[in-house]
Amino acid sequence: MVQCKKLNKEAPGLPFKPFNTELGQKIYDSVSMEAWQMWLRESPRYMNTYRIDPMSADGRAFMEKQMQIFFGFEDGDLADTAWVPPSS
């Protein structure tokens, strides 16, 4: 169990660090599985809108910045995406 920074509640955490970096450790220590799943649904929207190459240093830096903001590790505004939710 972790105290999830994103959802502000105690919830099951990730079974392993998602990255072998300082950010990966922060996510492992303070992001729940539920919040991680939210990020996995959101992240392709950034990659598609901005045509991010995850293999490039610039692409990784952009996505890491969005993760930092998304999970609440940094203040700031998330980048806009082209995705629009379907209307009911």
PDB file of N, CA and C in Angstrom:
ATOM      1  N   MET A   1       0.850  -1.184   0.000  1.00  0.00           N
ATOM      2  CA  MET A   1       0.000   0.000   0.000  1.00  0.00           C
ATOM      3  C   MET A   1       0.893   1.244   0.000  1.00  0.00           C
ATOM      4  N   VAL A   2       0.420   2.244  -0.719  1.00  0.00           N
ATOM      5  CA  VAL A   2       1.121   3.527  -0.752  1.00  0.00           C
ATOM      6  C   VAL A   2       0.114   4.637  -0.482  1.00  0.00           C
ATOM      7  N   GLN A   3       0.616   5.762  -0.002  1.00  0.00           N
ATOM      8  CA  GLN A   3      -0.201   6.969   0.086  1.00  0.00           C
ATOM      9  C   GLN A   3      -0.070   7.643  -1.275  1.00  0.00           C
ATOM     10  N   CYS A   4      -1.094   7.509  -2.101  1.00  0.00           N
ATOM     11  CA  CYS A   4      -1.028   7.981  -3.485  1.00  0.00           C
ATOM     12  C   CYS A   4      -1.079   9.505  -3.544  1.00  0.00           C
ATOM     13  N   LYS A   5      -0.047  10.076  -4.119  1.00  0.00           N
ATOM     14  CA  LYS A   5       0.039  11.527  -4.255  1.00  0.00           C
ATOM     15  C   LYS A   5      -1.017  12.054  -5.223  1.00  0.00           C
ATOM     16  N   LYS A   6      -1.298  11.344  -6.279  1.00  0.00           N
ATOM     17  CA  LYS A   6      -2.270  11.771  -7.297  1.00  0.00           C
ATOM     18  C   LYS A   6      -3.698  11.730  -6.758  1.00  0.00           C
ATOM     19  N   LEU A   7      -4.067  10.629  -6.120  1.00  0.00           N
ATOM     20  CA  LEU A   7      -5.447  10.422  -5.682  1.00  0.00           C
ATOM     21  C   LEU A   7      -5.682  10.819  -4.232  1.00  0.00           C
ATOM     22  N   ASN A   8      -4.606  11.129  -3.517  1.00  0.00           N
ATOM     23  CA  ASN A   8      -4.684  11.550  -2.116  1.00  0.00           C
ATOM     24  C   ASN A   8      -5.426  10.521  -1.256  1.00  0.00           C
ATOM     25  N   LYS A   9      -5.050   9.259  -1.441  1.00  0.00           N
ATOM     26  CA  LYS A   9      -5.622   8.195  -0.618  1.00  0.00           C
ATOM     27  C   LYS A   9      -4.644   7.033  -0.567  1.00  0.00           C
ATOM     28  N   GLU A  10      -4.824   6.177   0.424  1.00  0.00           N
ATOM     29  CA  GLU A  10      -4.002   4.974   0.512  1.00  0.00           C
ATOM     30  C   GLU A  10      -4.594   3.925  -0.426  1.00  0.00           C
ATOM     31  N   ALA A  11      -3.732   3.325  -1.226  1.00  0.00           N
ATOM     32  CA  ALA A  11      -4.193   2.356  -2.223  1.00  0.00           C
ATOM     33  C   ALA A  11      -3.039   1.427  -2.583  1.00  0.00           C
ATOM     34  N   PRO A  12      -3.343   0.292  -3.215  1.00  0.00           N
ATOM     35  CA  PRO A  12      -2.272  -0.612  -3.642  1.00  0.00           C
ATOM     36  C   PRO A  12      -1.312   0.087  -4.609  1.00  0.00           C
ATOM     37  N   GLY A  13      -0.029  -0.174  -4.402  1.00  0.00           N
ATOM     38  CA  GLY A  13       1.002   0.426  -5.241  1.00  0.00           C
ATOM     39  C   GLY A  13       1.388  -0.470  -6.401  1.00  0.00           C
ATOM     40  N   LEU A  14       2.394  -0.038  -7.117  1.00  0.00           N
ATOM     41  CA  LEU A  14       2.909  -0.811  -8.247  1.00  0.00           C
ATOM     42  C   LEU A  14       3.761  -1.966  -7.723  1.00  0.00           C
ATOM     43  N   PRO A  15       3.780  -3.102  -8.413  1.00  0.00           N
ATOM     44  CA  PRO A  15       4.581  -4.237  -7.955  1.00  0.00           C
ATOM     45  C   PRO A  15       6.076  -4.067  -8.231  1.00  0.00           C
ATOM     46  N   PHE A  16       6.436  -3.093  -9.077  1.00  0.00           N
ATOM     47  CA  PHE A  16       7.847  -2.853  -9.408  1.00  0.00           C
ATOM     48  C   PHE A  16       8.001  -1.411  -9.877  1.00  0.00           C
ATOM     49  N   LYS A  17       9.247  -0.918  -9.857  1.00  0.00           N
ATOM     50  CA  LYS A  17       9.517   0.429 -10.352  1.00  0.00           C
ATOM     51  C   LYS A  17       9.299   0.454 -11.864  1.00  0.00           C
ATOM     52  N   PRO A  18       8.564   1.449 -12.371  1.00  0.00           N
ATOM     53  CA  PRO A  18       8.330   1.499 -13.812  1.00  0.00           C
ATOM     54  C   PRO A  18       9.563   1.909 -14.617  1.00  0.00           C
ATOM     55  N   PHE A  19      10.491   2.607 -13.974  1.00  0.00           N
ATOM     56  CA  PHE A  19      11.738   3.036 -14.621  1.00  0.00           C
ATOM     57  C   PHE A  19      12.856   2.899 -13.608  1.00  0.00           C
ATOM     58  N   ASN A  20      14.048   2.668 -14.069  1.00  0.00           N
ATOM     59  CA  ASN A  20      15.199   2.555 -13.182  1.00  0.00           C
ATOM     60  C   ASN A  20      15.863   3.928 -13.035  1.00  0.00           C
ATOM     61  N   THR A  21      15.055   4.911 -12.593  1.00  0.00           N
ATOM     62  CA  THR A  21      15.514   6.290 -12.426  1.00  0.00           C
ATOM     63  C   THR A  21      14.968   6.835 -11.113  1.00  0.00           C
ATOM     64  N   GLU A  22      15.368   8.061 -10.789  1.00  0.00           N
ATOM     65  CA  GLU A  22      14.835   8.716  -9.594  1.00  0.00           C
ATOM     66  C   GLU A  22      13.315   8.884  -9.712  1.00  0.00           C
ATOM     67  N   LEU A  23      12.838   9.263 -10.896  1.00  0.00           N
ATOM     68  CA  LEU A  23      11.392   9.397 -11.106  1.00  0.00           C
ATOM     69  C   LEU A  23      10.703   8.046 -10.934  1.00  0.00           C
ATOM     70  N   GLY A  24      11.291   6.985 -11.440  1.00  0.00           N
ATOM     71  CA  GLY A  24      10.726   5.653 -11.261  1.00  0.00           C
ATOM     72  C   GLY A  24      10.579   5.286  -9.795  1.00  0.00           C
ATOM     73  N   GLN A  25      11.566   5.654  -8.987  1.00  0.00           N
ATOM     74  CA  GLN A  25      11.500   5.390  -7.548  1.00  0.00           C
ATOM     75  C   GLN A  25      10.393   6.212  -6.896  1.00  0.00           C
ATOM     76  N   LYS A  26      10.266   7.490  -7.280  1.00  0.00           N
ATOM     77  CA  LYS A  26       9.204   8.343  -6.732  1.00  0.00           C
ATOM     78  C   LYS A  26       7.830   7.775  -7.075  1.00  0.00           C
ATOM     79  N   ILE A  27       7.672   7.313  -8.295  1.00  0.00           N
ATOM     80  CA  ILE A  27       6.393   6.726  -8.708  1.00  0.00           C
ATOM     81  C   ILE A  27       6.119   5.460  -7.901  1.00  0.00           C
ATOM     82  N   TYR A  28       7.116   4.611  -7.766  1.00  0.00           N
ATOM     83  CA  TYR A  28       6.966   3.369  -7.003  1.00  0.00           C
ATOM     84  C   TYR A  28       6.578   3.652  -5.550  1.00  0.00           C
ATOM     85  N   ASP A  29       7.192   4.678  -4.964  1.00  0.00           N
ATOM     86  CA  ASP A  29       6.975   4.993  -3.553  1.00  0.00           C
ATOM     87  C   ASP A  29       5.652   5.701  -3.276  1.00  0.00           C
ATOM     88  N   SER A  30       5.106   6.447  -4.261  1.00  0.00           N
ATOM     89  CA  SER A  30       3.968   7.302  -3.917  1.00  0.00           C
ATOM     90  C   SER A  30       2.884   7.422  -4.992  1.00  0.00           C
ATOM     91  N   VAL A  31       2.804   6.452  -5.883  1.00  0.00           N
ATOM     92  CA  VAL A  31       1.729   6.446  -6.886  1.00  0.00           C
ATOM     93  C   VAL A  31       1.042   5.080  -6.834  1.00  0.00           C
ATOM     94  N   SER A  32      -0.269   5.103  -6.756  1.00  0.00           N
ATOM     95  CA  SER A  32      -1.031   3.850  -6.700  1.00  0.00           C
ATOM     96  C   SER A  32      -1.163   3.224  -8.086  1.00  0.00           C
ATOM     97  N   MET A  33      -1.517   1.964  -8.089  1.00  0.00           N
ATOM     98  CA  MET A  33      -1.763   1.266  -9.345  1.00  0.00           C
ATOM     99  C   MET A  33      -2.899   1.948 -10.110  1.00  0.00           C
ATOM    100  N   GLU A  34      -3.918   2.401  -9.398  1.00  0.00           N
ATOM    101  CA  GLU A  34      -5.043   3.089 -10.046  1.00  0.00           C
ATOM    102  C   GLU A  34      -4.571   4.360 -10.766  1.00  0.00           C
ATOM    103  N   ALA A  35      -3.741   5.163 -10.101  1.00  0.00           N
ATOM    104  CA  ALA A  35      -3.224   6.390 -10.722  1.00  0.00           C
ATOM    105  C   ALA A  35      -2.288   6.055 -11.884  1.00  0.00           C
ATOM    106  N   TRP A  36      -1.499   5.001 -11.748  1.00  0.00           N
ATOM    107  CA  TRP A  36      -0.603   4.589 -12.836  1.00  0.00           C
ATOM    108  C   TRP A  36      -1.426   4.184 -14.065  1.00  0.00           C
ATOM    109  N   GLN A  37      -2.520   3.462 -13.851  1.00  0.00           N
ATOM    110  CA  GLN A  37      -3.391   3.085 -14.966  1.00  0.00           C
ATOM    111  C   GLN A  37      -3.993   4.327 -15.633  1.00  0.00           C
ATOM    112  N   MET A  38      -4.313   5.347 -14.839  1.00  0.00           N
ATOM    113  CA  MET A  38      -4.809   6.610 -15.404  1.00  0.00           C
ATOM    114  C   MET A  38      -3.748   7.217 -16.325  1.00  0.00           C
ATOM    115  N   TRP A  39      -2.481   7.189 -15.871  1.00  0.00           N
ATOM    116  CA  TRP A  39      -1.399   7.733 -16.699  1.00  0.00           C
ATOM    117  C   TRP A  39      -1.238   6.928 -17.989  1.00  0.00           C
ATOM    118  N   LEU A  40      -1.337   5.606 -17.892  1.00  0.00           N
ATOM    119  CA  LEU A  40      -1.178   4.766 -19.088  1.00  0.00           C
ATOM    120  C   LEU A  40      -2.268   5.051 -20.122  1.00  0.00           C
ATOM    121  N   ARG A  41      -3.456   5.445 -19.665  1.00  0.00           N
ATOM    122  CA  ARG A  41      -4.514   5.833 -20.601  1.00  0.00           C
ATOM    123  C   ARG A  41      -4.264   7.230 -21.169  1.00  0.00           C
ATOM    124  N   GLU A  42      -3.675   8.116 -20.376  1.00  0.00           N
ATOM    125  CA  GLU A  42      -3.454   9.511 -20.782  1.00  0.00           C
ATOM    126  C   GLU A  42      -2.217   9.687 -21.660  1.00  0.00           C
ATOM    127  N   SER A  43      -1.152   8.964 -21.387  1.00  0.00           N
ATOM    128  CA  SER A  43       0.132   9.213 -22.057  1.00  0.00           C
ATOM    129  C   SER A  43       0.093   9.078 -23.582  1.00  0.00           C
ATOM    130  N   PRO A  44      -0.655   8.142 -24.173  1.00  0.00           N
ATOM    131  CA  PRO A  44      -0.681   8.093 -25.645  1.00  0.00           C
ATOM    132  C   PRO A  44      -1.253   9.359 -26.276  1.00  0.00           C
ATOM    133  N   ARG A  45      -2.092  10.065 -25.535  1.00  0.00           N
ATOM    134  CA  ARG A  45      -2.654  11.311 -26.063  1.00  0.00           C
ATOM    135  C   ARG A  45      -1.558  12.350 -26.275  1.00  0.00           C
ATOM    136  N   TYR A  46      -0.597  12.398 -25.363  1.00  0.00           N
ATOM    137  CA  TYR A  46       0.535  13.322 -25.526  1.00  0.00           C
ATOM    138  C   TYR A  46       1.421  12.867 -26.679  1.00  0.00           C
ATOM    139  N   MET A  47       1.672  11.577 -26.717  1.00  0.00           N
ATOM    140  CA  MET A  47       2.553  11.052 -27.766  1.00  0.00           C
ATOM    141  C   MET A  47       1.959  11.290 -29.150  1.00  0.00           C
ATOM    142  N   ASN A  48       0.652  11.130 -29.277  1.00  0.00           N
ATOM    143  CA  ASN A  48       0.006  11.329 -30.573  1.00  0.00           C
ATOM    144  C   ASN A  48      -0.112  12.808 -30.927  1.00  0.00           C
ATOM    145  N   THR A  49      -0.511  13.636 -29.970  1.00  0.00           N
ATOM    146  CA  THR A  49      -0.686  15.066 -30.241  1.00  0.00           C
ATOM    147  C   THR A  49       0.628  15.718 -30.640  1.00  0.00           C
ATOM    148  N   TYR A  50       1.693  15.404 -29.896  1.00  0.00           N
ATOM    149  CA  TYR A  50       2.981  16.069 -30.119  1.00  0.00           C
ATOM    150  C   TYR A  50       3.958  15.218 -30.929  1.00  0.00           C
ATOM    151  N   ARG A  51       3.488  14.067 -31.413  1.00  0.00           N
ATOM    152  CA  ARG A  51       4.323  13.156 -32.213  1.00  0.00           C
ATOM    153  C   ARG A  51       5.656  12.872 -31.509  1.00  0.00           C
ATOM    154  N   ILE A  52       5.528  12.465 -30.257  1.00  0.00           N
ATOM    155  CA  ILE A  52       6.686  12.213 -29.404  1.00  0.00           C
ATOM    156  C   ILE A  52       7.387  10.929 -29.839  1.00  0.00           C
ATOM    157  N   ASP A  53       8.688  11.012 -29.974  1.00  0.00           N
ATOM    158  CA  ASP A  53       9.523   9.837 -30.215  1.00  0.00           C
ATOM    159  C   ASP A  53      10.081   9.413 -28.857  1.00  0.00           C
ATOM    160  N   PRO A  54       9.575   8.325 -28.277  1.00  0.00           N
ATOM    161  CA  PRO A  54      10.028   7.927 -26.944  1.00  0.00           C
ATOM    162  C   PRO A  54      11.491   7.495 -26.892  1.00  0.00           C
ATOM    163  N   MET A  55      12.099   7.295 -28.044  1.00  0.00           N
ATOM    164  CA  MET A  55      13.512   6.917 -28.070  1.00  0.00           C
ATOM    165  C   MET A  55      14.435   8.134 -28.050  1.00  0.00           C
ATOM    166  N   SER A  56      13.890   9.327 -28.290  1.00  0.00           N
ATOM    167  CA  SER A  56      14.727  10.530 -28.309  1.00  0.00           C
ATOM    168  C   SER A  56      14.811  11.140 -26.912  1.00  0.00           C
ATOM    169  N   ALA A  57      15.909  11.811 -26.635  1.00  0.00           N
ATOM    170  CA  ALA A  57      16.090  12.478 -25.339  1.00  0.00           C
ATOM    171  C   ALA A  57      15.020  13.546 -25.138  1.00  0.00           C
ATOM    172  N   ASP A  58      14.701  14.297 -26.187  1.00  0.00           N
ATOM    173  CA  ASP A  58      13.673  15.334 -26.078  1.00  0.00           C
ATOM    174  C   ASP A  58      12.306  14.723 -25.793  1.00  0.00           C
ATOM    175  N   GLY A  59      11.993  13.619 -26.445  1.00  0.00           N
ATOM    176  CA  GLY A  59      10.721  12.946 -26.225  1.00  0.00           C
ATOM    177  C   GLY A  59      10.587  12.430 -24.803  1.00  0.00           C
ATOM    178  N   ARG A  60      11.649  11.810 -24.308  1.00  0.00           N
ATOM    179  CA  ARG A  60      11.625  11.306 -22.927  1.00  0.00           C
ATOM    180  C   ARG A  60      11.505  12.456 -21.934  1.00  0.00           C
ATOM    181  N   ALA A  61      12.225  13.552 -22.173  1.00  0.00           N
ATOM    182  CA  ALA A  61      12.173  14.706 -21.265  1.00  0.00           C
ATOM    183  C   ALA A  61      10.760  15.285 -21.225  1.00  0.00           C
ATOM    184  N   PHE A  62      10.116  15.391 -22.386  1.00  0.00           N
ATOM    185  CA  PHE A  62       8.751  15.912 -22.444  1.00  0.00           C
ATOM    186  C   PHE A  62       7.809  15.017 -21.642  1.00  0.00           C
ATOM    187  N   MET A  63       7.880  13.714 -21.861  1.00  0.00           N
ATOM    188  CA  MET A  63       6.983  12.791 -21.168  1.00  0.00           C
ATOM    189  C   MET A  63       7.263  12.760 -19.670  1.00  0.00           C
ATOM    190  N   GLU A  64       8.529  12.829 -19.274  1.00  0.00           N
ATOM    191  CA  GLU A  64       8.857  12.859 -17.847  1.00  0.00           C
ATOM    192  C   GLU A  64       8.289  14.110 -17.197  1.00  0.00           C
ATOM    193  N   LYS A  65       8.365  15.242 -17.877  1.00  0.00           N
ATOM    194  CA  LYS A  65       7.806  16.489 -17.350  1.00  0.00           C
ATOM    195  C   LYS A  65       6.296  16.348 -17.168  1.00  0.00           C
ATOM    196  N   GLN A  66       5.617  15.776 -18.151  1.00  0.00           N
ATOM    197  CA  GLN A  66       4.171  15.585 -18.044  1.00  0.00           C
ATOM    198  C   GLN A  66       3.832  14.637 -16.892  1.00  0.00           C
ATOM    199  N   MET A  67       4.633  13.585 -16.699  1.00  0.00           N
ATOM    200  CA  MET A  67       4.419  12.667 -15.575  1.00  0.00           C
ATOM    201  C   MET A  67       4.585  13.385 -14.247  1.00  0.00           C
ATOM    202  N   GLN A  68       5.643  14.196 -14.133  1.00  0.00           N
ATOM    203  CA  GLN A  68       5.902  14.929 -12.884  1.00  0.00           C
ATOM    204  C   GLN A  68       4.687  15.789 -12.524  1.00  0.00           C
ATOM    205  N   ILE A  69       4.128  16.472 -13.518  1.00  0.00           N
ATOM    206  CA  ILE A  69       2.967  17.330 -13.279  1.00  0.00           C
ATOM    207  C   ILE A  69       1.721  16.480 -13.021  1.00  0.00           C
ATOM    208  N   PHE A  70       1.500  15.450 -13.829  1.00  0.00           N
ATOM    209  CA  PHE A  70       0.322  14.589 -13.707  1.00  0.00           C
ATOM    210  C   PHE A  70       0.210  13.989 -12.309  1.00  0.00           C
ATOM    211  N   PHE A  71       1.317  13.482 -11.785  1.00  0.00           N
ATOM    212  CA  PHE A  71       1.289  12.828 -10.477  1.00  0.00           C
ATOM    213  C   PHE A  71       1.415  13.802  -9.313  1.00  0.00           C
ATOM    214  N   GLY A  72       1.679  15.076  -9.588  1.00  0.00           N
ATOM    215  CA  GLY A  72       1.752  16.073  -8.528  1.00  0.00           C
ATOM    216  C   GLY A  72       3.125  16.243  -7.918  1.00  0.00           C
ATOM    217  N   PHE A  73       4.165  15.751  -8.573  1.00  0.00           N
ATOM    218  CA  PHE A  73       5.526  15.942  -8.077  1.00  0.00           C
ATOM    219  C   PHE A  73       6.037  17.344  -8.396  1.00  0.00           C
ATOM    220  N   GLU A  74       5.468  17.982  -9.417  1.00  0.00           N
ATOM    221  CA  GLU A  74       5.817  19.349  -9.813  1.00  0.00           C
ATOM    222  C   GLU A  74       4.538  20.133 -10.027  1.00  0.00           C
ATOM    223  N   ASP A  75       4.612  21.436  -9.766  1.00  0.00           N
ATOM    224  CA  ASP A  75       3.499  22.316 -10.093  1.00  0.00           C
ATOM    225  C   ASP A  75       3.572  22.667 -11.564  1.00  0.00           C
ATOM    226  N   GLY A  76       2.460  23.003 -12.129  1.00  0.00           N
ATOM    227  CA  GLY A  76       2.426  23.418 -13.526  1.00  0.00           C
ATOM    228  C   GLY A  76       1.169  22.921 -14.201  1.00  0.00           C
ATOM    229  N   ASP A  77       1.041  23.281 -15.441  1.00  0.00           N
ATOM    230  CA  ASP A  77      -0.104  22.861 -16.243  1.00  0.00           C
ATOM    231  C   ASP A  77       0.328  21.769 -17.208  1.00  0.00           C
ATOM    232  N   LEU A  78      -0.509  20.762 -17.334  1.00  0.00           N
ATOM    233  CA  LEU A  78      -0.247  19.721 -18.322  1.00  0.00           C
ATOM    234  C   LEU A  78      -0.401  20.305 -19.719  1.00  0.00           C
ATOM    235  N   ALA A  79       0.354  19.790 -20.652  1.00  0.00           N
ATOM    236  CA  ALA A  79       0.228  20.207 -22.047  1.00  0.00           C
ATOM    237  C   ALA A  79      -1.159  19.817 -22.558  1.00  0.00           C
ATOM    238  N   ASP A  80      -1.694  20.619 -23.447  1.00  0.00           N
ATOM    239  CA  ASP A  80      -2.985  20.301 -24.054  1.00  0.00           C
ATOM    240  C   ASP A  80      -2.829  19.113 -24.999  1.00  0.00           C
ATOM    241  N   THR A  81      -3.900  18.354 -25.135  1.00  0.00           N
ATOM    242  CA  THR A  81      -3.899  17.269 -26.116  1.00  0.00           C
ATOM    243  C   THR A  81      -5.037  17.506 -27.104  1.00  0.00           C
ATOM    244  N   ALA A  82      -4.969  16.836 -28.223  1.00  0.00           N
ATOM    245  CA  ALA A  82      -5.999  16.971 -29.252  1.00  0.00           C
ATOM    246  C   ALA A  82      -7.215  16.099 -28.953  1.00  0.00           C
ATOM    247  N   TRP A  83      -7.114  15.241 -27.939  1.00  0.00           N
ATOM    248  CA  TRP A  83      -8.197  14.310 -27.627  1.00  0.00           C
ATOM    249  C   TRP A  83      -9.401  15.050 -27.059  1.00  0.00           C
ATOM    250  N   VAL A  84     -10.581  14.701 -27.537  1.00  0.00           N
ATOM    251  CA  VAL A  84     -11.839  15.257 -27.040  1.00  0.00           C
ATOM    252  C   VAL A  84     -12.712  14.080 -26.633  1.00  0.00           C
ATOM    253  N   PRO A  85     -13.218  14.095 -25.387  1.00  0.00           N
ATOM    254  CA  PRO A  85     -14.052  12.969 -24.964  1.00  0.00           C
ATOM    255  C   PRO A  85     -15.316  12.875 -25.823  1.00  0.00           C
ATOM    256  N   PRO A  86     -15.780  11.662 -26.080  1.00  0.00           N
ATOM    257  CA  PRO A  86     -17.004  11.518 -26.868  1.00  0.00           C
ATOM    258  C   PRO A  86     -18.194  12.119 -26.121  1.00  0.00           C
ATOM    259  N   SER A  87     -19.093  12.737 -26.845  1.00  0.00           N
ATOM    260  CA  SER A  87     -20.283  13.308 -26.207  1.00  0.00           C
ATOM    261  C   SER A  87     -21.321  12.210 -26.021  1.00  0.00           C
ATOM    262  N   SER A  88     -22.091  12.349 -24.976  1.00  0.00           N
ATOM    263  CA  SER A  88     -23.101  11.317 -24.660  1.00  0.00           C
ATOM    264  C   SER A  88     -24.352  11.510 -25.465  1.00  0.00           C
TER     265      SER A  88
END
